C-alpha atoms as a PDB file:
ATOM      1  CA  UNK A   1      35.940  29.313  -1.802  1.00  0.00           C
ATOM      2  CA  UNK A   2      34.056  25.657  -1.847  1.00  0.00           C
ATOM      3  CA  UNK A   3      33.903  23.145  -4.616  1.00  0.00           C
ATOM      4  CA  UNK A   4      31.338  20.891  -4.659  1.00  0.00           C
ATOM      5  CA  UNK A   5      31.757  17.708  -7.216  1.00  0.00           C
ATOM      6  CA  UNK A   6      28.795  18.632 -10.130  1.00  0.00           C
ATOM      7  CA  UNK A   7      28.645  14.486 -10.334  1.00  0.00           C
ATOM      8  CA  UNK A   8      27.702  13.593  -6.792  1.00  0.00           C
ATOM      9  CA  UNK A   9      24.825  16.801  -7.188  1.00  0.00           C
ATOM     10  CA  UNK A  10      23.434  15.112  -9.767  1.00  0.00           C
ATOM     11  CA  UNK A  11      23.091  11.681  -9.032  1.00  0.00           C
ATOM     12  CA  UNK A  12      21.919  12.829  -5.744  1.00  0.00           C
ATOM     13  CA  UNK A  13      19.375  15.201  -8.151  1.00  0.00           C
ATOM     14  CA  UNK A  14      18.172  12.009  -9.767  1.00  0.00           C
ATOM     15  CA  UNK A  15      18.042   9.881  -7.069  1.00  0.00           C
ATOM     16  CA  UNK A  16      15.658  12.463  -5.052  1.00  0.00           C
ATOM     17  CA  UNK A  17      13.357  12.783  -8.596  1.00  0.00           C
ATOM     18  CA  UNK A  18      13.591   8.932  -9.018  1.00  0.00           C
ATOM     19  CA  UNK A  19      12.184   8.339  -5.371  1.00  0.00           C
ATOM     20  CA  UNK A  20       9.381  11.089  -5.942  1.00  0.00           C
ATOM     21  CA  UNK A  21       8.068   9.839  -9.473  1.00  0.00           C
ATOM     22  CA  UNK A  22       8.787   6.336  -9.259  1.00  0.00           C
ATOM     23  CA  UNK A  23       8.317   5.930  -5.574  1.00  0.00           C
ATOM     24  CA  UNK A  24       9.945   3.541  -3.308  1.00  0.00           C
ATOM     25  CA  UNK A  25       7.996   0.780  -1.932  1.00  0.00           C
ATOM     26  CA  UNK A  26      10.275  -0.632  -0.086  1.00  0.00           C
ATOM     27  CA  UNK A  27      10.710   2.482   2.221  1.00  0.00           C
ATOM     28  CA  UNK A  28       6.669   2.390   3.045  1.00  0.00           C
ATOM     29  CA  UNK A  29       6.311  -1.542   3.310  1.00  0.00           C
ATOM     30  CA  UNK A  30       6.149  -3.205   6.995  1.00  0.00           C
ATOM     31  CA  UNK A  31       7.457  -6.800   7.617  1.00  0.00           C
ATOM     32  CA  UNK A  32       4.554  -8.789   9.248  1.00  0.00           C
ATOM     33  CA  UNK A  33       5.773 -11.799   8.977  1.00  0.00           C
ATOM     34  CA  UNK A  34       9.342 -13.307   8.101  1.00  0.00           C
ATOM     35  CA  UNK A  35       9.369 -12.525   4.155  1.00  0.00           C
ATOM     36  CA  UNK A  36       5.963 -10.782   4.116  1.00  0.00           C
ATOM     37  CA  UNK A  37       6.022  -7.149   3.361  1.00  0.00           C
ATOM     38  CA  UNK A  38       3.111  -4.813   2.988  1.00  0.00           C
ATOM     39  CA  UNK A  39       2.974  -1.223   2.245  1.00  0.00           C
ATOM     40  CA  UNK A  40      -0.090   0.682   3.082  1.00  0.00           C
ATOM     41  CA  UNK A  41      -1.540   0.754  -0.063  1.00  0.00           C
ATOM     42  CA  UNK A  42      -2.541  -2.081  -2.454  1.00  0.00           C
ATOM     43  CA  UNK A  43       0.167  -4.386  -1.979  1.00  0.00           C
ATOM     44  CA  UNK A  44       2.124  -7.151  -0.392  1.00  0.00           C
ATOM     45  CA  UNK A  45       5.303  -8.997  -1.254  1.00  0.00           C
ATOM     46  CA  UNK A  46       5.981 -12.581   0.041  1.00  0.00           C
ATOM     47  CA  UNK A  47       9.471 -13.654  -0.904  1.00  0.00           C
ATOM     48  CA  UNK A  48       9.412 -16.905   1.285  1.00  0.00           C
ATOM     49  CA  UNK A  49       9.013 -20.201   0.013  1.00  0.00           C
ATOM     50  CA  UNK A  50       5.464 -20.801   2.263  1.00  0.00           C
ATOM     51  CA  UNK A  51       1.880 -19.461   1.437  1.00  0.00           C
ATOM     52  CA  UNK A  52       0.683 -16.662   3.688  1.00  0.00           C
ATOM     53  CA  UNK A  53      -2.636 -15.274   4.954  1.00  0.00           C
ATOM     54  CA  UNK A  54      -2.919 -11.907   5.483  1.00  0.00           C
ATOM     55  CA  UNK A  55      -5.683  -9.881   7.803  1.00  0.00           C
ATOM     56  CA  UNK A  56      -6.107  -6.081   7.637  1.00  0.00           C
ATOM     57  CA  UNK A  57      -8.489  -3.122   7.318  1.00  0.00           C
ATOM     58  CA  UNK A  58      -8.936  -0.986   4.197  1.00  0.00           C
ATOM     59  CA  UNK A  59     -10.021   2.689   5.216  1.00  0.00           C
ATOM     60  CA  UNK A  60     -12.538   3.471   2.527  1.00  0.00           C
ATOM     61  CA  UNK A  61     -14.415   6.626   1.267  1.00  0.00           C
ATOM     62  CA  UNK A  62     -17.935   5.369   0.079  1.00  0.00           C
ATOM     63  CA  UNK A  63     -20.570   7.621  -1.761  1.00  0.00           C
ATOM     64  CA  UNK A  64     -23.940   8.050  -0.010  1.00  0.00           C
ATOM     65  CA  UNK A  65     -26.886   9.589  -1.953  1.00  0.00           C
ATOM     66  CA  UNK A  66     -28.907  12.239   0.121  1.00  0.00           C
ATOM     67  CA  UNK A  67     -32.185  13.024   0.208  1.00  0.00           C
ATOM     68  CA  UNK A  68     -31.857  16.181  -1.432  1.00  0.00           C
ATOM     69  CA  UNK A  69     -30.237  14.328  -4.225  1.00  0.00           C
ATOM     70  CA  UNK A  70     -26.586  15.415  -3.855  1.00  0.00           C
ATOM     71  CA  UNK A  71     -23.609  12.869  -3.157  1.00  0.00           C
ATOM     72  CA  UNK A  72     -21.370  12.948   0.400  1.00  0.00           C
ATOM     73  CA  UNK A  73     -18.815  10.656   0.651  1.00  0.00           C
ATOM     74  CA  UNK A  74     -18.487   8.918   4.124  1.00  0.00           C
ATOM     75  CA  UNK A  75     -15.446   7.250   5.360  1.00  0.00           C
ATOM     76  CA  UNK A  76     -15.450   4.000   6.494  1.00  0.00           C
ATOM     77  CA  UNK A  77     -13.576   0.698   7.531  1.00  0.00           C
ATOM     78  CA  UNK A  78     -13.908  -2.462   6.137  1.00  0.00           C
ATOM     79  CA  UNK A  79     -12.136  -5.912   6.858  1.00  0.00           C
ATOM     80  CA  UNK A  80     -10.028  -7.111   4.123  1.00  0.00           C
ATOM     81  CA  UNK A  81      -8.435 -10.773   4.057  1.00  0.00           C
ATOM     82  CA  UNK A  82      -5.932 -12.456   1.366  1.00  0.00           C
ATOM     83  CA  UNK A  83      -4.217 -15.502   0.845  1.00  0.00           C
ATOM     84  CA  UNK A  84      -0.619 -14.314  -0.721  1.00  0.00           C
ATOM     85  CA  UNK A  85       1.530 -17.600  -2.388  1.00  0.00           C
ATOM     86  CA  UNK A  86       5.246 -16.855  -3.167  1.00  0.00           C
ATOM     87  CA  UNK A  87       5.100 -13.366  -5.040  1.00  0.00           C
ATOM     88  CA  UNK A  88       3.001 -10.220  -4.756  1.00  0.00           C
ATOM     89  CA  UNK A  89      -0.433  -9.693  -3.925  1.00  0.00           C
ATOM     90  CA  UNK A  90      -2.775  -6.756  -4.808  1.00  0.00           C
ATOM     91  CA  UNK A  91      -5.779  -6.026  -2.771  1.00  0.00           C
ATOM     92  CA  UNK A  92      -8.876  -6.061  -4.336  1.00  0.00           C
ATOM     93  CA  UNK A  93     -10.110  -2.601  -5.467  1.00  0.00           C
ATOM     94  CA  UNK A  94     -14.171  -4.006  -4.321  1.00  0.00           C
ATOM     95  CA  UNK A  95     -12.915  -4.592  -0.794  1.00  0.00           C
ATOM     96  CA  UNK A  96     -14.385  -0.937  -0.678  1.00  0.00           C
ATOM     97  CA  UNK A  97     -18.028  -1.972  -1.883  1.00  0.00           C
ATOM     98  CA  UNK A  98     -18.170   0.812  -4.553  1.00  0.00           C
ATOM     99  CA  UNK A  99     -15.930   3.410  -2.581  1.00  0.00           C
ATOM    100  CA  UNK A 100     -12.547   3.920  -3.286  1.00  0.00           C
ATOM    101  CA  UNK A 101      -9.691   2.809  -1.221  1.00  0.00           C
ATOM    102  CA  UNK A 102      -7.667   4.972   0.912  1.00  0.00           C
ATOM    103  CA  UNK A 103      -5.471   3.269   2.442  1.00  0.00           C
ATOM    104  CA  UNK A 104      -4.837  -0.067   3.790  1.00  0.00           C
ATOM    105  CA  UNK A 105      -3.378  -1.293   7.299  1.00  0.00           C
ATOM    106  CA  UNK A 106      -2.191  -5.399   7.480  1.00  0.00           C
ATOM    107  CA  UNK A 107      -2.409  -6.216  11.133  1.00  0.00           C
ATOM    108  CA  UNK A 108      -1.181  -9.870  11.131  1.00  0.00           C
ATOM    109  CA  UNK A 109      -0.077 -12.708   8.547  1.00  0.00           C
ATOM    110  CA  UNK A 110       0.651 -16.341   9.193  1.00  0.00           C
ATOM    111  CA  UNK A 111       1.422 -19.471   7.370  1.00  0.00           C
ATOM    112  CA  UNK A 112      -1.336 -21.132   5.614  1.00  0.00           C
END
């Protein structure tokens, strides 16, 4: 008969629940320059002592009013850029020009 350590099972379950509820931004963030990590949603973190410029794209869903009065949503890709001092940078919702931000892809970063 196998015995399981209930403490270990409980800690494992609590860790899983915390990851689902609170997310794990470091797990999905990619390093785009030394000390600069960006996720595919809205945030970049700069743990270096330098200021960086980041460049990328934003996938958006933009509402389009049709001739019959209905509204349809069209996927667009917009260019985005920003200056990241040491700390955290949040991508501006206005990157989508009135649409909703679906995903970002920061493609490069360089020191300012």
